[in-house]
Protein backbone atom coordinates (compact mmCIF):
# COMPACT_ATOMS: atom_id res chain seq x y z
CA MET A 1 -14.44 -15.80 -7.65
CA ILE A 2 -10.97 -14.30 -8.16
CA THR A 3 -8.55 -15.42 -5.46
CA LEU A 4 -6.04 -12.77 -4.39
CA HIS A 5 -2.84 -14.27 -3.03
CA ASP A 6 -1.08 -11.18 -1.66
CA ILE A 7 -0.39 -7.51 -2.24
CA ALA A 8 2.42 -7.04 -4.73
CA TYR A 9 3.54 -3.44 -5.25
CA VAL A 10 2.67 0.20 -5.74
CA ARG A 11 3.82 2.18 -8.79
CA SER A 12 3.97 5.90 -8.09
CA GLY A 13 4.77 8.67 -10.53
CA THR A 14 7.32 11.20 -9.37
CA ALA A 15 8.60 14.48 -10.73
CA ASP A 16 11.87 13.96 -8.84
CA ALA A 17 12.90 10.32 -8.51
CA ALA A 18 16.07 11.18 -6.61
CA VAL A 19 14.13 12.95 -3.85
CA ALA A 20 11.38 10.30 -3.68
CA ALA A 21 13.83 7.40 -3.58
CA GLY A 22 16.16 9.20 -1.18
CA PHE A 23 13.29 9.59 1.28
CA ALA A 24 12.27 5.94 0.87
CA VAL A 25 15.82 4.77 1.61
CA ASP A 26 17.16 7.28 4.12
CA VAL A 27 13.94 7.94 6.04
CA VAL A 28 11.60 4.98 5.52
CA GLY A 29 14.51 2.54 5.47
CA MET A 30 13.87 0.63 2.24
CA GLU A 31 16.53 -0.87 -0.01
CA LEU A 32 17.25 0.70 -3.38
CA VAL A 33 17.30 -2.31 -5.72
CA ALA A 34 17.77 -0.83 -9.19
CA GLU A 35 17.24 2.18 -11.43
CA GLU A 36 16.50 1.55 -15.08
CA ASP A 37 14.42 2.99 -17.91
CA GLY A 38 13.10 5.80 -15.70
CA VAL A 39 11.94 3.45 -12.93
CA THR A 40 13.44 3.26 -9.43
CA TYR A 41 12.78 0.02 -7.54
CA LEU A 42 12.67 -0.31 -3.74
CA ARG A 43 12.16 -3.36 -1.54
CA ALA A 44 11.31 -4.08 2.09
CA ASP A 45 11.00 -7.89 2.10
CA GLN A 46 11.46 -10.90 -0.21
CA ARG A 47 9.77 -9.21 -3.17
CA HIS A 48 12.04 -7.74 -5.86
CA HIS A 49 10.26 -4.48 -5.06
CA CYS A 50 7.10 -3.32 -3.40
CA LEU A 51 7.44 0.33 -4.41
CA ALA A 52 8.48 1.64 -7.82
CA PHE A 53 8.90 5.31 -8.63
CA VAL A 54 8.31 6.16 -12.29
CA GLN A 55 9.81 9.42 -13.51
CA GLY A 56 7.12 11.78 -14.78
CA GLU A 57 3.96 13.29 -13.35
CA ALA A 58 3.52 12.90 -9.58
CA GLY A 59 0.68 10.65 -8.44
CA VAL A 60 -0.12 6.99 -7.99
CA LEU A 61 -0.07 4.98 -11.21
CA ALA A 62 -1.19 1.51 -10.10
CA SER A 63 -1.42 -0.88 -7.17
CA GLY A 64 -0.67 -4.55 -7.72
CA PHE A 65 -2.01 -7.78 -6.25
CA SER A 66 -0.55 -11.21 -6.90
CA LEU A 67 -2.36 -14.36 -8.01
CA THR A 68 -1.10 -17.94 -7.89
CA GLY A 69 -0.33 -18.54 -11.56
CA PRO A 70 -1.22 -18.08 -15.24
CA ASP A 71 -4.46 -20.04 -14.99
CA ALA A 72 -5.61 -17.82 -12.11
CA LEU A 73 -4.76 -14.72 -14.15
CA GLU A 74 -6.69 -15.98 -17.17
CA THR A 75 -9.67 -16.80 -14.97
CA ALA A 76 -9.53 -13.34 -13.40
CA GLU A 77 -9.47 -11.72 -16.82
CA LYS A 78 -12.56 -13.65 -17.93
CA GLU A 79 -14.48 -13.00 -14.71
CA LEU A 80 -13.76 -9.28 -14.78
CA GLU A 81 -14.83 -8.99 -18.40
CA ALA A 82 -17.99 -11.02 -17.70
CA ALA A 83 -18.79 -8.51 -14.96
CA GLY A 84 -18.48 -5.65 -17.42
CA VAL A 85 -15.05 -4.47 -16.26
CA GLN A 86 -12.72 -3.31 -19.02
CA VAL A 87 -9.43 -5.21 -18.82
CA ALA A 88 -6.11 -4.75 -20.61
CA ARG A 89 -3.48 -7.46 -20.85
CA GLY A 90 0.02 -6.16 -20.13
CA THR A 91 2.77 -6.40 -22.73
CA PRO A 92 5.98 -8.37 -22.11
CA GLU A 93 7.79 -5.05 -21.68
CA GLN A 94 5.28 -3.92 -19.04
CA ALA A 95 5.60 -7.25 -17.23
CA ARG A 96 9.38 -6.92 -17.27
CA SER A 97 9.13 -3.40 -15.84
CA ARG A 98 7.04 -4.78 -12.97
CA ARG A 99 9.26 -7.87 -12.52
CA VAL A 100 6.36 -10.26 -13.03
CA GLU A 101 5.56 -13.00 -15.53
CA GLU A 102 2.24 -11.56 -16.69
CA LEU A 103 -0.28 -8.92 -15.69
CA ILE A 104 -3.71 -7.51 -16.42
CA ALA A 105 -4.91 -4.00 -15.57
CA PHE A 106 -8.34 -2.58 -14.79
CA ASP A 107 -9.93 0.32 -12.92
CA ASP A 108 -12.22 -0.14 -9.95
CA PRO A 109 -15.61 1.63 -10.18
CA PHE A 110 -14.06 4.86 -8.89
CA GLY A 111 -10.96 5.03 -11.06
CA ASN A 112 -8.29 3.38 -8.91
CA ARG A 113 -5.93 1.53 -11.24
CA ILE A 114 -5.44 -2.09 -10.18
CA GLU A 115 -3.00 -4.61 -11.65
CA LEU A 116 -3.25 -8.36 -11.11
CA VAL A 117 -0.02 -10.27 -11.63
CA HIS A 118 1.54 -13.67 -11.28
CA GLY A 119 5.16 -14.71 -11.02
CA GLN A 120 6.39 -11.70 -9.07
CA VAL A 121 10.18 -11.95 -8.84
CA GLN A 122 11.56 -12.78 -5.40
CA LEU A 123 15.07 -12.04 -4.15
CA ALA A 124 16.90 -14.62 -2.06
CA ARG A 125 19.41 -12.23 -0.53
CA PRO A 126 18.63 -10.43 2.74
CA VAL A 127 17.24 -6.92 2.47
CA HIS A 128 19.94 -4.28 2.71
CA PHE A 129 17.89 -1.69 4.54
CA GLY A 130 18.70 1.98 4.15
CA ARG A 131 18.52 2.34 7.92
CA THR A 132 17.46 0.17 10.86
CA ALA A 133 13.73 0.82 11.02
CA GLY A 134 12.74 -2.73 11.99
CA ILE A 135 10.69 -3.32 8.83
CA THR A 136 9.57 -6.91 8.41
CA GLU A 137 7.26 -6.68 5.38
CA PHE A 138 5.10 -4.64 3.04
CA GLY A 139 1.87 -4.75 5.04
CA HIS A 140 -1.16 -3.29 3.26
CA ILE A 141 -2.53 -0.88 0.66
CA CYS A 142 -5.33 1.65 1.16
CA PHE A 143 -7.34 3.41 -1.54
CA ASP A 144 -9.77 6.31 -1.59
CA ALA A 145 -13.31 6.09 -2.96
CA PRO A 146 -16.40 8.27 -2.52
CA ASP A 147 -18.53 5.33 -1.33
CA VAL A 148 -16.83 2.68 0.81
CA LYS A 149 -19.87 0.39 0.86
CA GLN A 150 -20.00 0.34 -2.90
CA ALA A 151 -16.27 -0.31 -2.93
CA TYR A 152 -16.78 -3.31 -0.64
CA GLU A 153 -19.55 -4.64 -2.87
CA PHE A 154 -17.13 -4.50 -5.80
CA TRP A 155 -14.26 -6.26 -4.02
CA SER A 156 -16.37 -8.86 -2.23
CA GLY A 157 -18.49 -9.54 -5.31
CA LEU A 158 -15.55 -10.45 -7.53
CA PHE A 159 -12.73 -11.37 -5.18
CA ASN A 160 -12.09 -13.55 -2.11
CA VAL A 161 -12.36 -10.44 0.04
CA LYS A 162 -14.19 -10.21 3.36
CA VAL A 163 -14.89 -7.17 5.50
CA SER A 164 -13.09 -7.25 8.83
CA ASP A 165 -14.46 -4.03 10.31
CA TRP A 166 -16.28 -0.86 9.32
CA ILE A 167 -15.53 2.64 10.55
CA GLY A 168 -19.02 3.90 9.80
CA ASP A 169 -19.22 5.02 6.17
CA TRP A 170 -15.69 6.42 6.53
CA ALA A 171 -13.64 3.25 5.98
CA CYS A 172 -13.91 -0.44 5.12
CA LEU A 173 -11.06 -2.69 6.30
CA MET A 174 -10.82 -5.92 4.28
CA ARG A 175 -8.89 -9.18 4.24
CA PHE A 176 -8.21 -12.10 1.93
CA ASP A 177 -6.01 -14.05 4.35
CA PRO A 178 -5.93 -14.16 8.19
CA VAL A 179 -4.34 -10.71 8.54
CA HIS A 180 -6.97 -8.20 9.73
CA HIS A 181 -6.58 -6.15 6.58
CA LYS A 182 -4.27 -6.01 3.60
CA LEU A 183 -6.70 -3.84 1.67
CA ALA A 184 -8.73 -0.90 2.90
CA VAL A 185 -10.87 1.77 1.29
CA PHE A 186 -11.33 5.18 2.88
CA ARG A 187 -13.90 7.76 1.91
CA GLY A 188 -12.50 10.42 -0.38
CA SER A 189 -13.87 12.54 -3.15
CA GLU A 190 -11.42 11.25 -5.78
CA PRO A 191 -9.56 7.99 -6.41
CA GLY A 192 -6.10 7.76 -4.95
CA LEU A 193 -3.65 5.99 -2.70
CA CYS A 194 -4.51 6.80 0.92
CA HIS A 195 -1.33 5.22 2.30
CA ILE A 196 1.05 2.27 2.14
CA ASN A 197 1.94 0.29 5.25
CA PHE A 198 5.09 -1.41 6.48
CA GLN A 199 5.00 -3.78 9.40
CA VAL A 200 7.83 -3.47 11.92
CA ASP A 201 9.20 -5.97 14.41
CA SER A 202 8.25 -4.39 17.72
CA LEU A 203 6.47 -1.60 19.56
CA ASP A 204 9.93 -0.20 20.29
CA ASP A 205 10.53 0.09 16.53
CA VAL A 206 7.38 2.20 16.16
CA MET A 207 8.50 4.53 18.93
CA ARG A 208 12.11 4.74 17.77
CA ASN A 209 10.90 5.52 14.25
CA TRP A 210 8.59 8.21 15.59
CA ARG A 211 11.51 9.88 17.35
CA PHE A 212 13.69 9.51 14.27
CA LEU A 213 11.03 11.09 12.04
CA GLN A 214 10.70 13.99 14.45
CA SER A 215 14.47 14.50 14.48
CA ARG A 216 14.47 14.68 10.67
CA GLY A 217 11.62 17.19 10.54
CA VAL A 218 9.27 14.75 8.80
CA GLU A 219 5.58 15.64 9.09
CA ILE A 220 3.81 13.18 11.40
CA GLU A 221 0.25 12.91 10.13
CA MET A 222 -1.06 10.73 12.94
CA GLY A 223 0.28 8.74 15.89
CA PRO A 224 1.78 7.10 17.68
CA GLY A 225 -1.52 5.44 18.52
CA ARG A 226 -3.30 2.10 18.46
CA HIS A 227 -6.11 1.15 16.09
CA PRO A 228 -8.95 -0.62 17.94
CA GLN A 229 -9.88 -2.54 14.79
CA SER A 230 -6.59 -4.29 14.02
CA THR A 231 -4.92 -3.63 17.44
CA ALA A 232 -1.91 -2.35 15.47
CA ILE A 233 0.25 0.38 17.00
CA PHE A 234 0.86 2.96 14.29
CA VAL A 235 2.50 6.12 13.11
CA TYR A 236 1.66 7.80 9.78
CA PHE A 237 4.01 10.24 8.09
CA LYS A 238 4.15 12.22 4.89
CA GLY A 239 6.67 11.61 2.16
CA PRO A 240 7.44 13.67 -0.93
CA GLU A 241 4.67 14.46 -3.42
CA GLY A 242 1.86 13.48 -1.08
CA LEU A 243 2.73 9.81 -0.55
CA THR A 244 1.76 8.78 2.99
CA TYR A 245 3.66 5.97 4.71
CA GLU A 246 2.71 4.03 7.83
CA TYR A 247 4.71 1.91 10.25
CA SER A 248 2.69 -0.47 12.39
CA TYR A 249 3.18 -3.33 14.81
CA GLY A 250 0.85 -5.91 16.34
CA VAL A 251 -1.83 -6.40 13.69
CA ARG A 252 -4.24 -9.14 14.67
CA ASN A 253 -5.07 -12.27 12.67
CA LEU A 254 -8.69 -13.35 12.27
CA GLY A 255 -10.44 -16.70 11.98
CA ASP A 256 -13.26 -17.70 9.67
CA ASP A 257 -15.77 -17.13 12.46
CA TRP A 258 -14.94 -13.43 12.77
CA VAL A 259 -17.97 -11.14 12.80
CA PRO A 260 -17.34 -7.63 11.39
CA ARG A 261 -17.84 -4.75 13.79
CA VAL A 262 -18.93 -1.17 13.23
CA PHE A 263 -17.09 1.78 14.79
CA ASP A 264 -18.49 5.30 14.84
CA PRO A 265 -15.85 7.73 13.50
CA ALA A 266 -17.37 10.45 15.69
CA GLU A 267 -16.27 8.61 18.83
CA PRO A 268 -12.92 9.80 20.27
CA ASP A 269 -11.41 6.30 20.30
CA ALA A 270 -12.75 5.03 16.95
CA ILE A 271 -9.39 5.51 15.23
CA ASP A 272 -6.99 5.58 18.17
CA MET A 273 -7.91 3.65 21.29
CA TRP A 274 -5.32 5.74 23.17
CA HIS A 275 -7.41 8.87 22.43
CA GLY A 276 -4.64 10.60 20.54
CA PRO A 277 -5.40 13.35 18.03
CA THR A 278 -6.57 11.95 14.70
CA ARG A 279 -6.92 13.50 11.28
CA ARG A 280 -7.28 12.45 7.69
CA VAL A 281 -3.90 11.57 6.20
CA GLN A 282 -2.99 12.91 2.78
CA THR A 283 -3.95 10.89 -0.28
CA GLN A 284 -1.76 10.70 -3.36
CA PRO A 285 -4.14 11.26 -6.30
CA GLN A 286 -4.64 8.59 -8.94
CA LEU A 287 -3.21 9.53 -12.32
CA ARG A 288 -5.64 8.90 -15.16
CA ARG A 289 -3.98 6.88 -17.92
CA PRO A 290 -5.27 4.56 -20.68
CA LEU A 291 -5.43 0.95 -19.48
CA ASP A 292 -2.82 -0.16 -22.00
CA ALA A 293 -0.38 2.66 -21.16
């Protein structure tokens, strides 16, 4: 069993790094950490970065999860290969670009590129936020897949992942620590990044951010509302090149005795317990690249 420690980062290709990073700083509120070798790094918590824009074709390149050390990474590599998953070991240059000690890369059964890393660089200094959005941490990552039950079988079969709740065959919300979900898979015809989440400090932050986004003419994809599964109060909004962001507050923690529930997506409060209008947020498509690229 491969033990995930935390989410690490998202690498997203962009045709215009200045626009993508400007939105992340000026609108989302992240800190611009560095720009080098065609990569723009942004942070929202103690990690060196949780979002990296890579100049080139627009689309998600990879999503990273951290392990506890080199032994855990070597074990993960062996277990994935034993399960028939093709794995590529990252080069020192690739590890440096991701600000990690080492990494391996593989694709899930649907084509989502996953990277497992250890030794992700941390920054001791406080985050210098682009604006006061109330962000406390990089919260979770969500992928698309045509079959969410098959996706769960993959993650739970190889990793320390448990299902927290189902939204019919529309979504599987998963955890590997007490947080209700740090990983989710939504039904979609192609692999991609459904959205990235940032936790904020209060309900007031969600509402202030909603008003701010409206004042800037940013497209609100859904919310404000409250998810009945995690109890988190949310707002989703669209960034450049199809990257969807989410602010949320109030996500619940679960114990080992938690029993997963099933919600019917046809019910009016299955996504938003406040009965607000809901719709599918935009997914940023997964770019197909060789594993060793």
